[in-house]
């Protein structure tokens, strides 16, 4: 009986996908030839993307509900919406109310070794 329970436990553990930590991205959007940078933290296990501007800018980080599919990540609040291609890391930021669309690219940033 114990052997059967052990085999079942091993099989379930092997079938479960490993939960990855957040992915950190640095993105450059290029509206009107004036590049602007944003940082993204994509947390697929919690369906959240956090958007922040690099240091020196006054906007506070914004946590947005996100939808993760095999091909893309979509997130936004209705006022500002994003689409991130998971293969090419191209990004689109839209502000539907103003008919404003920006395109850009992202790079994955490796997390530094942390103490905690």
PDB file of N, CA and C in Angstrom:
ATOM      1  N   UNK A   1       0.814  -1.186   0.000  1.00  0.00           N
ATOM      2  CA  UNK A   1       0.000   0.000   0.000  1.00  0.00           C
ATOM      3  C   UNK A   1       0.865   1.261   0.000  1.00  0.00           C
ATOM      4  N   UNK A   2       1.939   1.227   0.820  1.00  0.00           N
ATOM      5  CA  UNK A   2       2.831   2.387   0.872  1.00  0.00           C
ATOM      6  C   UNK A   2       3.515   2.609  -0.465  1.00  0.00           C
ATOM      7  N   UNK A   3       3.879   1.540  -1.145  1.00  0.00           N
ATOM      8  CA  UNK A   3       4.533   1.651  -2.438  1.00  0.00           C
ATOM      9  C   UNK A   3       3.611   2.328  -3.440  1.00  0.00           C
ATOM     10  N   UNK A   4       2.336   1.943  -3.426  1.00  0.00           N
ATOM     11  CA  UNK A   4       1.364   2.546  -4.340  1.00  0.00           C
ATOM     12  C   UNK A   4       1.216   4.046  -4.055  1.00  0.00           C
ATOM     13  N   UNK A   5       1.152   4.433  -2.793  1.00  0.00           N
ATOM     14  CA  UNK A   5       1.041   5.850  -2.428  1.00  0.00           C
ATOM     15  C   UNK A   5       2.293   6.610  -2.849  1.00  0.00           C
ATOM     16  N   UNK A   6       3.454   6.021  -2.687  1.00  0.00           N
ATOM     17  CA  UNK A   6       4.704   6.673  -3.069  1.00  0.00           C
ATOM     18  C   UNK A   6       4.761   6.882  -4.580  1.00  0.00           C
ATOM     19  N   UNK A   7       4.371   5.865  -5.333  1.00  0.00           N
ATOM     20  CA  UNK A   7       4.373   5.974  -6.794  1.00  0.00           C
ATOM     21  C   UNK A   7       3.384   7.040  -7.249  1.00  0.00           C
ATOM     22  N   UNK A   8       2.223   7.090  -6.637  1.00  0.00           N
ATOM     23  CA  UNK A   8       1.228   8.107  -6.981  1.00  0.00           C
ATOM     24  C   UNK A   8       1.775   9.503  -6.686  1.00  0.00           C
ATOM     25  N   UNK A   9       2.414   9.679  -5.547  1.00  0.00           N
ATOM     26  CA  UNK A   9       2.988  10.979  -5.189  1.00  0.00           C
ATOM     27  C   UNK A   9       4.059  11.418  -6.163  1.00  0.00           C
ATOM     28  N   UNK A  10       4.912  10.496  -6.560  1.00  0.00           N
ATOM     29  CA  UNK A  10       5.976  10.812  -7.518  1.00  0.00           C
ATOM     30  C   UNK A  10       5.375  11.168  -8.870  1.00  0.00           C
ATOM     31  N   UNK A  11       4.368  10.422  -9.293  1.00  0.00           N
ATOM     32  CA  UNK A  11       3.728  10.697 -10.582  1.00  0.00           C
ATOM     33  C   UNK A  11       3.064  12.076 -10.587  1.00  0.00           C
ATOM     34  N   UNK A  12       2.394  12.435  -9.504  1.00  0.00           N
ATOM     35  CA  UNK A  12       1.747  13.751  -9.430  1.00  0.00           C
ATOM     36  C   UNK A  12       2.785  14.870  -9.413  1.00  0.00           C
ATOM     37  N   UNK A  13       3.869  14.669  -8.710  1.00  0.00           N
ATOM     38  CA  UNK A  13       4.915  15.690  -8.658  1.00  0.00           C
ATOM     39  C   UNK A  13       5.554  15.884 -10.023  1.00  0.00           C
ATOM     40  N   UNK A  14       5.754  14.791 -10.745  1.00  0.00           N
ATOM     41  CA  UNK A  14       6.358  14.889 -12.075  1.00  0.00           C
ATOM     42  C   UNK A  14       5.417  15.543 -13.072  1.00  0.00           C
ATOM     43  N   UNK A  15       4.119  15.385 -12.906  1.00  0.00           N
ATOM     44  CA  UNK A  15       3.146  15.950 -13.838  1.00  0.00           C
ATOM     45  C   UNK A  15       2.901  17.430 -13.592  1.00  0.00           C
ATOM     46  N   UNK A  16       3.202  17.928 -12.400  1.00  0.00           N
ATOM     47  CA  UNK A  16       2.970  19.332 -12.082  1.00  0.00           C
ATOM     48  C   UNK A  16       4.090  20.186 -12.635  1.00  0.00           C
ATOM     49  N   UNK A  17       3.733  21.269 -13.356  1.00  0.00           N
ATOM     50  CA  UNK A  17       4.790  22.141 -13.851  1.00  0.00           C
ATOM     51  C   UNK A  17       5.447  22.876 -12.694  1.00  0.00           C
ATOM     52  N   UNK A  18       6.718  23.106 -12.809  1.00  0.00           N
ATOM     53  CA  UNK A  18       7.434  23.841 -11.773  1.00  0.00           C
ATOM     54  C   UNK A  18       7.022  25.303 -11.829  1.00  0.00           C
ATOM     55  N   UNK A  19       6.795  25.887 -10.668  1.00  0.00           N
ATOM     56  CA  UNK A  19       6.445  27.289 -10.619  1.00  0.00           C
ATOM     57  C   UNK A  19       7.710  28.118 -10.726  1.00  0.00           C
ATOM     58  N   UNK A  20       7.760  28.918 -11.753  1.00  0.00           N
ATOM     59  CA  UNK A  20       8.921  29.782 -11.950  1.00  0.00           C
ATOM     60  C   UNK A  20       8.698  31.083 -11.197  1.00  0.00           C
ATOM     61  N   UNK A  21       9.777  31.708 -10.848  1.00  0.00           N
ATOM     62  CA  UNK A  21       9.688  33.013 -10.201  1.00  0.00           C
ATOM     63  C   UNK A  21       9.334  34.077 -11.219  1.00  0.00           C
ATOM     64  N   UNK A  22       9.258  35.310 -10.772  1.00  0.00           N
ATOM     65  CA  UNK A  22       8.938  36.400 -11.695  1.00  0.00           C
ATOM     66  C   UNK A  22      10.032  36.577 -12.755  1.00  0.00           C
ATOM     67  N   UNK A  23       9.631  37.141 -13.882  1.00  0.00           N
ATOM     68  CA  UNK A  23      10.558  37.478 -14.957  1.00  0.00           C
ATOM     69  C   UNK A  23      10.674  38.988 -15.013  1.00  0.00           C
ATOM     70  N   UNK A  24      11.897  39.489 -15.035  1.00  0.00           N
ATOM     71  CA  UNK A  24      12.150  40.925 -15.056  1.00  0.00           C
ATOM     72  C   UNK A  24      12.518  41.342 -16.472  1.00  0.00           C
ATOM     73  N   UNK A  25      11.858  42.390 -16.975  1.00  0.00           N
ATOM     74  CA  UNK A  25      12.124  42.866 -18.326  1.00  0.00           C
ATOM     75  C   UNK A  25      12.372  44.372 -18.313  1.00  0.00           C
ATOM     76  N   UNK A  26      13.259  44.808 -19.189  1.00  0.00           N
ATOM     77  CA  UNK A  26      13.509  46.222 -19.425  1.00  0.00           C
ATOM     78  C   UNK A  26      13.045  46.488 -20.848  1.00  0.00           C
ATOM     79  N   UNK A  27      12.122  47.431 -21.007  1.00  0.00           N
ATOM     80  CA  UNK A  27      11.519  47.683 -22.309  1.00  0.00           C
ATOM     81  C   UNK A  27      11.770  49.118 -22.756  1.00  0.00           C
ATOM     82  N   UNK A  28      11.923  49.295 -24.060  1.00  0.00           N
ATOM     83  CA  UNK A  28      12.072  50.622 -24.647  1.00  0.00           C
ATOM     84  C   UNK A  28      10.963  50.806 -25.664  1.00  0.00           C
ATOM     85  N   UNK A  29      10.131  51.814 -25.434  1.00  0.00           N
ATOM     86  CA  UNK A  29       9.057  52.176 -26.359  1.00  0.00           C
ATOM     87  C   UNK A  29       9.537  53.380 -27.162  1.00  0.00           C
ATOM     88  N   UNK A  30       9.170  53.428 -28.436  1.00  0.00           N
ATOM     89  CA  UNK A  30       9.688  54.493 -29.291  1.00  0.00           C
ATOM     90  C   UNK A  30       8.568  55.289 -29.959  1.00  0.00           C
ATOM     91  N   UNK A  31       7.871  56.133 -29.194  1.00  0.00           N
ATOM     92  CA  UNK A  31       6.890  57.007 -29.827  1.00  0.00           C
ATOM     93  C   UNK A  31       7.583  58.253 -30.384  1.00  0.00           C
ATOM     94  N   UNK A  32       7.283  58.609 -31.594  1.00  0.00           N
ATOM     95  CA  UNK A  32       7.805  59.847 -32.197  1.00  0.00           C
ATOM     96  C   UNK A  32       9.316  59.999 -32.043  1.00  0.00           C
ATOM     97  N   UNK A  33      10.050  58.919 -32.171  1.00  0.00           N
ATOM     98  CA  UNK A  33      11.511  58.938 -32.083  1.00  0.00           C
ATOM     99  C   UNK A  33      12.059  59.444 -30.750  1.00  0.00           C
ATOM    100  N   UNK A  34      11.248  59.420 -29.700  1.00  0.00           N
ATOM    101  CA  UNK A  34      11.706  59.771 -28.361  1.00  0.00           C
ATOM    102  C   UNK A  34      11.551  58.534 -27.485  1.00  0.00           C
ATOM    103  N   UNK A  35      12.592  57.722 -27.389  1.00  0.00           N
ATOM    104  CA  UNK A  35      12.471  56.479 -26.614  1.00  0.00           C
ATOM    105  C   UNK A  35      12.126  56.738 -25.150  1.00  0.00           C
ATOM    106  N   UNK A  36      11.258  55.896 -24.633  1.00  0.00           N
ATOM    107  CA  UNK A  36      10.954  55.935 -23.204  1.00  0.00           C
ATOM    108  C   UNK A  36      11.096  54.514 -22.667  1.00  0.00           C
ATOM    109  N   UNK A  37      11.584  54.418 -21.450  1.00  0.00           N
ATOM    110  CA  UNK A  37      11.850  53.102 -20.865  1.00  0.00           C
ATOM    111  C   UNK A  37      10.828  52.775 -19.787  1.00  0.00           C
ATOM    112  N   UNK A  38      10.472  51.495 -19.713  1.00  0.00           N
ATOM    113  CA  UNK A  38       9.651  50.985 -18.611  1.00  0.00           C
ATOM    114  C   UNK A  38      10.249  49.660 -18.171  1.00  0.00           C
ATOM    115  N   UNK A  39      10.043  49.325 -16.920  1.00  0.00           N
ATOM    116  CA  UNK A  39      10.462  48.041 -16.376  1.00  0.00           C
ATOM    117  C   UNK A  39       9.216  47.226 -16.075  1.00  0.00           C
ATOM    118  N   UNK A  40       9.267  45.944 -16.400  1.00  0.00           N
ATOM    119  CA  UNK A  40       8.146  45.043 -16.137  1.00  0.00           C
ATOM    120  C   UNK A  40       8.616  43.906 -15.248  1.00  0.00           C
ATOM    121  N   UNK A  41       7.753  43.511 -14.332  1.00  0.00           N
ATOM    122  CA  UNK A  41       7.954  42.287 -13.571  1.00  0.00           C
ATOM    123  C   UNK A  41       6.743  41.418 -13.860  1.00  0.00           C
ATOM    124  N   UNK A  42       6.954  40.353 -14.614  1.00  0.00           N
ATOM    125  CA  UNK A  42       5.869  39.458 -15.012  1.00  0.00           C
ATOM    126  C   UNK A  42       5.823  38.281 -14.055  1.00  0.00           C
ATOM    127  N   UNK A  43       4.725  38.161 -13.336  1.00  0.00           N
ATOM    128  CA  UNK A  43       4.543  37.100 -12.339  1.00  0.00           C
ATOM    129  C   UNK A  43       3.401  36.198 -12.813  1.00  0.00           C
ATOM    130  N   UNK A  44       3.759  35.214 -13.621  1.00  0.00           N
ATOM    131  CA  UNK A  44       2.749  34.344 -14.232  1.00  0.00           C
ATOM    132  C   UNK A  44       1.978  33.534 -13.198  1.00  0.00           C
ATOM    133  N   UNK A  45       2.631  33.084 -12.147  1.00  0.00           N
ATOM    134  CA  UNK A  45       1.946  32.245 -11.161  1.00  0.00           C
ATOM    135  C   UNK A  45       0.841  33.008 -10.432  1.00  0.00           C
ATOM    136  N   UNK A  46       0.938  34.344 -10.369  1.00  0.00           N
ATOM    137  CA  UNK A  46      -0.102  35.159  -9.727  1.00  0.00           C
ATOM    138  C   UNK A  46      -0.903  35.989 -10.719  1.00  0.00           C
ATOM    139  N   UNK A  47      -0.658  35.822 -12.017  1.00  0.00           N
ATOM    140  CA  UNK A  47      -1.350  36.549 -13.083  1.00  0.00           C
ATOM    141  C   UNK A  47      -1.277  38.065 -12.900  1.00  0.00           C
ATOM    142  N   UNK A  48      -0.066  38.556 -12.627  1.00  0.00           N
ATOM    143  CA  UNK A  48       0.147  39.986 -12.393  1.00  0.00           C
ATOM    144  C   UNK A  48       1.394  40.447 -13.142  1.00  0.00           C
ATOM    145  N   UNK A  49       1.334  41.643 -13.696  1.00  0.00           N
ATOM    146  CA  UNK A  49       2.516  42.309 -14.230  1.00  0.00           C
ATOM    147  C   UNK A  49       2.616  43.650 -13.524  1.00  0.00           C
ATOM    148  N   UNK A  50       3.798  43.963 -13.011  1.00  0.00           N
ATOM    149  CA  UNK A  50       4.049  45.253 -12.384  1.00  0.00           C
ATOM    150  C   UNK A  50       4.834  46.105 -13.369  1.00  0.00           C
ATOM    151  N   UNK A  51       4.331  47.321 -13.601  1.00  0.00           N
ATOM    152  CA  UNK A  51       4.955  48.262 -14.528  1.00  0.00           C
ATOM    153  C   UNK A  51       5.548  49.403 -13.710  1.00  0.00           C
ATOM    154  N   UNK A  52       6.804  49.733 -13.982  1.00  0.00           N
ATOM    155  CA  UNK A  52       7.428  50.871 -13.301  1.00  0.00           C
ATOM    156  C   UNK A  52       8.357  51.585 -14.267  1.00  0.00           C
ATOM    157  N   UNK A  53       8.576  52.864 -13.984  1.00  0.00           N
ATOM    158  CA  UNK A  53       9.522  53.649 -14.770  1.00  0.00           C
ATOM    159  C   UNK A  53      10.880  53.546 -14.096  1.00  0.00           C
ATOM    160  N   UNK A  54      11.948  53.680 -14.870  1.00  0.00           N
ATOM    161  CA  UNK A  54      13.274  53.640 -14.248  1.00  0.00           C
ATOM    162  C   UNK A  54      13.433  54.753 -13.211  1.00  0.00           C
ATOM    163  N   UNK A  55      14.441  54.626 -12.392  1.00  0.00           N
ATOM    164  CA  UNK A  55      14.670  55.621 -11.338  1.00  0.00           C
ATOM    165  C   UNK A  55      14.765  57.019 -11.937  1.00  0.00           C
ATOM    166  N   UNK A  56      14.341  57.976 -11.118  1.00  0.00           N
ATOM    167  CA  UNK A  56      14.358  59.359 -11.571  1.00  0.00           C
ATOM    168  C   UNK A  56      13.024  59.833 -12.101  1.00  0.00           C
ATOM    169  N   UNK A  57      12.103  58.923 -12.333  1.00  0.00           N
ATOM    170  CA  UNK A  57      10.774  59.304 -12.799  1.00  0.00           C
ATOM    171  C   UNK A  57       9.819  59.161 -11.635  1.00  0.00           C
ATOM    172  N   UNK A  58       8.769  59.945 -11.623  1.00  0.00           N
ATOM    173  CA  UNK A  58       7.928  60.038 -10.429  1.00  0.00           C
ATOM    174  C   UNK A  58       6.804  59.012 -10.332  1.00  0.00           C
ATOM    175  N   UNK A  59       6.507  58.299 -11.382  1.00  0.00           N
ATOM    176  CA  UNK A  59       5.384  57.355 -11.315  1.00  0.00           C
ATOM    177  C   UNK A  59       5.684  56.180 -10.405  1.00  0.00           C
ATOM    178  N   UNK A  60       4.719  55.872  -9.571  1.00  0.00           N
ATOM    179  CA  UNK A  60       4.846  54.707  -8.685  1.00  0.00           C
ATOM    180  C   UNK A  60       4.598  53.435  -9.497  1.00  0.00           C
ATOM    181  N   UNK A  61       5.171  52.307  -9.091  1.00  0.00           N
ATOM    182  CA  UNK A  61       4.892  51.043  -9.775  1.00  0.00           C
ATOM    183  C   UNK A  61       3.396  50.731  -9.745  1.00  0.00           C
ATOM    184  N   UNK A  62       2.922  50.158 -10.831  1.00  0.00           N
ATOM    185  CA  UNK A  62       1.510  49.817 -10.966  1.00  0.00           C
ATOM    186  C   UNK A  62       1.379  48.323 -11.184  1.00  0.00           C
ATOM    187  N   UNK A  63       0.581  47.660 -10.328  1.00  0.00           N
ATOM    188  CA  UNK A  63       0.305  46.229 -10.485  1.00  0.00           C
ATOM    189  C   UNK A  63      -0.954  46.066 -11.315  1.00  0.00           C
ATOM    190  N   UNK A  64      -0.852  45.270 -12.367  1.00  0.00           N
ATOM    191  CA  UNK A  64      -1.968  45.077 -13.280  1.00  0.00           C
ATOM    192  C   UNK A  64      -2.289  43.589 -13.430  1.00  0.00           C
ATOM    193  N   UNK A  65      -3.572  43.269 -13.475  1.00  0.00           N
ATOM    194  CA  UNK A  65      -3.994  41.894 -13.754  1.00  0.00           C
ATOM    195  C   UNK A  65      -3.528  41.548 -15.166  1.00  0.00           C
ATOM    196  N   UNK A  66      -3.085  40.318 -15.337  1.00  0.00           N
ATOM    197  CA  UNK A  66      -2.521  39.913 -16.621  1.00  0.00           C
ATOM    198  C   UNK A  66      -3.069  38.566 -17.059  1.00  0.00           C
ATOM    199  N   UNK A  67      -3.100  38.395 -18.375  1.00  0.00           N
ATOM    200  CA  UNK A  67      -3.477  37.123 -18.971  1.00  0.00           C
ATOM    201  C   UNK A  67      -2.254  36.573 -19.695  1.00  0.00           C
ATOM    202  N   UNK A  68      -1.824  35.384 -19.294  1.00  0.00           N
ATOM    203  CA  UNK A  68      -0.651  34.741 -19.877  1.00  0.00           C
ATOM    204  C   UNK A  68      -1.112  33.601 -20.776  1.00  0.00           C
ATOM    205  N   UNK A  69      -0.772  33.671 -22.059  1.00  0.00           N
ATOM    206  CA  UNK A  69      -1.024  32.563 -22.974  1.00  0.00           C
ATOM    207  C   UNK A  69       0.333  32.077 -23.473  1.00  0.00           C
ATOM    208  N   UNK A  70       0.317  31.040 -24.293  1.00  0.00           N
ATOM    209  CA  UNK A  70       1.581  30.514 -24.811  1.00  0.00           C
ATOM    210  C   UNK A  70       2.320  31.554 -25.645  1.00  0.00           C
ATOM    211  N   UNK A  71       1.582  32.421 -26.331  1.00  0.00           N
ATOM    212  CA  UNK A  71       2.208  33.372 -27.248  1.00  0.00           C
ATOM    213  C   UNK A  71       2.369  34.786 -26.749  1.00  0.00           C
ATOM    214  N   UNK A  72       1.507  35.208 -25.810  1.00  0.00           N
ATOM    215  CA  UNK A  72       1.599  36.599 -25.388  1.00  0.00           C
ATOM    216  C   UNK A  72       1.093  36.814 -23.970  1.00  0.00           C
ATOM    217  N   UNK A  73       1.439  37.979 -23.454  1.00  0.00           N
ATOM    218  CA  UNK A  73       0.954  38.421 -22.153  1.00  0.00           C
ATOM    219  C   UNK A  73       0.201  39.724 -22.407  1.00  0.00           C
ATOM    220  N   UNK A  74      -1.046  39.800 -21.949  1.00  0.00           N
ATOM    221  CA  UNK A  74      -1.809  41.036 -22.073  1.00  0.00           C
ATOM    222  C   UNK A  74      -2.128  41.528 -20.670  1.00  0.00           C
ATOM    223  N   UNK A  75      -2.008  42.838 -20.484  1.00  0.00           N
ATOM    224  CA  UNK A  75      -2.271  43.433 -19.188  1.00  0.00           C
ATOM    225  C   UNK A  75      -2.606  44.903 -19.379  1.00  0.00           C
ATOM    226  N   UNK A  76      -3.309  45.458 -18.431  1.00  0.00           N
ATOM    227  CA  UNK A  76      -3.681  46.864 -18.507  1.00  0.00           C
ATOM    228  C   UNK A  76      -4.849  47.163 -17.599  1.00  0.00           C
ATOM    229  N   UNK A  77      -5.274  48.423 -17.635  1.00  0.00           N
ATOM    230  CA  UNK A  77      -6.378  48.859 -16.785  1.00  0.00           C
ATOM    231  C   UNK A  77      -7.518  49.496 -17.571  1.00  0.00           C
ATOM    232  N   UNK A  78      -7.495  49.362 -18.894  1.00  0.00           N
ATOM    233  CA  UNK A  78      -8.519  49.979 -19.727  1.00  0.00           C
ATOM    234  C   UNK A  78      -8.085  51.345 -20.241  1.00  0.00           C
ATOM    235  N   UNK A  79      -7.360  52.092 -19.421  1.00  0.00           N
ATOM    236  CA  UNK A  79      -6.828  53.391 -19.854  1.00  0.00           C
ATOM    237  C   UNK A  79      -5.521  53.188 -20.631  1.00  0.00           C
ATOM    238  N   UNK A  80      -4.686  52.297 -20.115  1.00  0.00           N
ATOM    239  CA  UNK A  80      -3.422  51.938 -20.760  1.00  0.00           C
ATOM    240  C   UNK A  80      -3.367  50.421 -20.803  1.00  0.00           C
ATOM    241  N   UNK A  81      -3.212  49.873 -22.005  1.00  0.00           N
ATOM    242  CA  UNK A  81      -3.190  48.423 -22.186  1.00  0.00           C
ATOM    243  C   UNK A  81      -1.914  48.010 -22.899  1.00  0.00           C
ATOM    244  N   UNK A  82      -1.409  46.831 -22.547  1.00  0.00           N
ATOM    245  CA  UNK A  82      -0.155  46.328 -23.094  1.00  0.00           C
ATOM    246  C   UNK A  82      -0.358  44.939 -23.684  1.00  0.00           C
ATOM    247  N   UNK A  83       0.445  44.639 -24.719  1.00  0.00           N
ATOM    248  CA  UNK A  83       0.557  43.292 -25.282  1.00  0.00           C
ATOM    249  C   UNK A  83       2.050  43.007 -25.441  1.00  0.00           C
ATOM    250  N   UNK A  84       2.495  41.921 -24.839  1.00  0.00           N
ATOM    251  CA  UNK A  84       3.904  41.531 -24.901  1.00  0.00           C
ATOM    252  C   UNK A  84       4.003  40.169 -25.583  1.00  0.00           C
ATOM    253  N   UNK A  85       4.735  40.112 -26.682  1.00  0.00           N
ATOM    254  CA  UNK A  85       4.938  38.858 -27.407  1.00  0.00           C
ATOM    255  C   UNK A  85       6.001  38.047 -26.671  1.00  0.00           C
ATOM    256  N   UNK A  86       5.663  36.835 -26.310  1.00  0.00           N
ATOM    257  CA  UNK A  86       6.566  36.007 -25.501  1.00  0.00           C
ATOM    258  C   UNK A  86       7.723  35.430 -26.309  1.00  0.00           C
ATOM    259  N   UNK A  87       7.632  35.416 -27.628  1.00  0.00           N
ATOM    260  CA  UNK A  87       8.717  34.881 -28.462  1.00  0.00           C
ATOM    261  C   UNK A  87       9.709  35.965 -28.871  1.00  0.00           C
ATOM    262  N   UNK A  88       9.186  37.089 -29.353  1.00  0.00           N
ATOM    263  CA  UNK A  88      10.055  38.148 -29.877  1.00  0.00           C
ATOM    264  C   UNK A  88      10.349  39.234 -28.851  1.00  0.00           C
ATOM    265  N   UNK A  89       9.598  39.269 -27.742  1.00  0.00           N
ATOM    266  CA  UNK A  89       9.672  40.294 -26.705  1.00  0.00           C
ATOM    267  C   UNK A  89       9.330  41.687 -27.243  1.00  0.00           C
ATOM    268  N   UNK A  90       8.561  41.731 -28.335  1.00  0.00           N
ATOM    269  CA  UNK A  90       8.057  43.025 -28.802  1.00  0.00           C
ATOM    270  C   UNK A  90       6.866  43.398 -27.919  1.00  0.00           C
ATOM    271  N   UNK A  91       6.679  44.702 -27.706  1.00  0.00           N
ATOM    272  CA  UNK A  91       5.618  45.181 -26.820  1.00  0.00           C
ATOM    273  C   UNK A  91       4.836  46.285 -27.513  1.00  0.00           C
ATOM    274  N   UNK A  92       3.541  46.325 -27.229  1.00  0.00           N
ATOM    275  CA  UNK A  92       2.662  47.380 -27.733  1.00  0.00           C
ATOM    276  C   UNK A  92       1.948  47.977 -26.532  1.00  0.00           C
ATOM    277  N   UNK A  93       1.967  49.312 -26.438  1.00  0.00           N
ATOM    278  CA  UNK A  93       1.228  50.019 -25.390  1.00  0.00           C
ATOM    279  C   UNK A  93       0.178  50.873 -26.085  1.00  0.00           C
ATOM    280  N   UNK A  94      -1.080  50.700 -25.670  1.00  0.00           N
ATOM    281  CA  UNK A  94      -2.188  51.435 -26.284  1.00  0.00           C
ATOM    282  C   UNK A  94      -2.930  52.256 -25.242  1.00  0.00           C
ATOM    283  N   UNK A  95      -3.346  53.445 -25.645  1.00  0.00           N
ATOM    284  CA  UNK A  95      -4.235  54.281 -24.849  1.00  0.00           C
ATOM    285  C   UNK A  95      -5.458  54.537 -25.724  1.00  0.00           C
ATOM    286  N   UNK A  96      -6.455  53.634 -25.640  1.00  0.00           N
ATOM    287  CA  UNK A  96      -7.595  53.672 -26.553  1.00  0.00           C
ATOM    288  C   UNK A  96      -8.335  55.008 -26.561  1.00  0.00           C
ATOM    289  N   UNK A  97      -8.462  55.627 -25.422  1.00  0.00           N
ATOM    290  CA  UNK A  97      -9.213  56.890 -25.327  1.00  0.00           C
ATOM    291  C   UNK A  97      -8.613  57.978 -26.221  1.00  0.00           C
ATOM    292  N   UNK A  98      -7.293  57.952 -26.377  1.00  0.00           N
ATOM    293  CA  UNK A  98      -6.611  58.972 -27.162  1.00  0.00           C
ATOM    294  C   UNK A  98      -6.167  58.466 -28.530  1.00  0.00           C
ATOM    295  N   UNK A  99      -6.429  57.194 -28.829  1.00  0.00           N
ATOM    296  CA  UNK A  99      -6.003  56.613 -30.098  1.00  0.00           C
ATOM    297  C   UNK A  99      -4.487  56.525 -30.207  1.00  0.00           C
ATOM    298  N   UNK A 100      -3.831  56.377 -29.099  1.00  0.00           N
ATOM    299  CA  UNK A 100      -2.370  56.407 -29.016  1.00  0.00           C
ATOM    300  C   UNK A 100      -1.833  54.988 -28.967  1.00  0.00           C
ATOM    301  N   UNK A 101      -0.859  54.679 -29.826  1.00  0.00           N
ATOM    302  CA  UNK A 101      -0.230  53.359 -29.860  1.00  0.00           C
ATOM    303  C   UNK A 101       1.289  53.542 -29.920  1.00  0.00           C
ATOM    304  N   UNK A 102       2.000  52.858 -29.041  1.00  0.00           N
ATOM    305  CA  UNK A 102       3.461  52.851 -29.043  1.00  0.00           C
ATOM    306  C   UNK A 102       3.932  51.418 -29.202  1.00  0.00           C
ATOM    307  N   UNK A 103       5.029  51.256 -29.882  1.00  0.00           N
ATOM    308  CA  UNK A 103       5.622  49.935 -30.050  1.00  0.00           C
ATOM    309  C   UNK A 103       7.060  49.975 -29.561  1.00  0.00           C
ATOM    310  N   UNK A 104       7.544  48.814 -29.157  1.00  0.00           N
ATOM    311  CA  UNK A 104       8.923  48.752 -28.699  1.00  0.00           C
ATOM    312  C   UNK A 104       9.377  47.327 -28.513  1.00  0.00           C
ATOM    313  N   UNK A 105      10.505  47.192 -27.837  1.00  0.00           N
ATOM    314  CA  UNK A 105      11.072  45.881 -27.581  1.00  0.00           C
ATOM    315  C   UNK A 105      11.518  45.796 -26.125  1.00  0.00           C
ATOM    316  N   UNK A 106      11.611  44.575 -25.652  1.00  0.00           N
ATOM    317  CA  UNK A 106      12.032  44.321 -24.275  1.00  0.00           C
ATOM    318  C   UNK A 106      13.219  43.369 -24.280  1.00  0.00           C
ATOM    319  N   UNK A 107      13.928  43.380 -23.175  1.00  0.00           N
ATOM    320  CA  UNK A 107      15.001  42.424 -22.943  1.00  0.00           C
ATOM    321  C   UNK A 107      14.804  41.850 -21.553  1.00  0.00           C
ATOM    322  N   UNK A 108      15.088  40.570 -21.420  1.00  0.00           N
ATOM    323  CA  UNK A 108      15.004  39.946 -20.104  1.00  0.00           C
ATOM    324  C   UNK A 108      16.219  40.376 -19.298  1.00  0.00           C
ATOM    325  N   UNK A 109      15.960  40.781 -18.075  1.00  0.00           N
ATOM    326  CA  UNK A 109      17.023  41.222 -17.178  1.00  0.00           C
ATOM    327  C   UNK A 109      17.234  40.130 -16.141  1.00  0.00           C
ATOM    328  N   UNK A 110      18.455  39.714 -15.965  1.00  0.00           N
ATOM    329  CA  UNK A 110      18.744  38.684 -14.968  1.00  0.00           C
ATOM    330  C   UNK A 110      18.666  39.302 -13.576  1.00  0.00           C
ATOM    331  N   UNK A 111      18.015  38.597 -12.694  1.00  0.00           N
ATOM    332  CA  UNK A 111      17.920  39.058 -11.309  1.00  0.00           C
ATOM    333  C   UNK A 111      19.282  38.900 -10.649  1.00  0.00           C
ATOM    334  N   UNK A 112      19.677  39.918  -9.914  1.00  0.00           N
ATOM    335  CA  UNK A 112      20.935  39.852  -9.192  1.00  0.00           C
ATOM    336  C   UNK A 112      20.804  38.860  -8.044  1.00  0.00           C
ATOM    337  N   UNK A 113      21.941  38.315  -7.641  1.00  0.00           N
ATOM    338  CA  UNK A 113      21.931  37.432  -6.478  1.00  0.00           C
ATOM    339  C   UNK A 113      21.520  38.248  -5.266  1.00  0.00           C
ATOM    340  N   UNK A 114      20.527  37.731  -4.548  1.00  0.00           N
ATOM    341  CA  UNK A 114      19.990  38.467  -3.408  1.00  0.00           C
ATOM    342  C   UNK A 114      20.345  37.787  -2.108  1.00  0.00           C
ATOM    343  N   UNK A 115      20.331  38.587  -1.061  1.00  0.00           N
ATOM    344  CA  UNK A 115      20.611  38.054   0.270  1.00  0.00           C
ATOM    345  C   UNK A 115      19.388  37.366   0.874  1.00  0.00           C
ATOM    346  N   UNK A 116      18.191  37.736   0.419  1.00  0.00           N
ATOM    347  CA  UNK A 116      16.970  37.102   0.930  1.00  0.00           C
ATOM    348  C   UNK A 116      15.937  36.984  -0.134  1.00  0.00           C
TER     349      UNK A 116
END
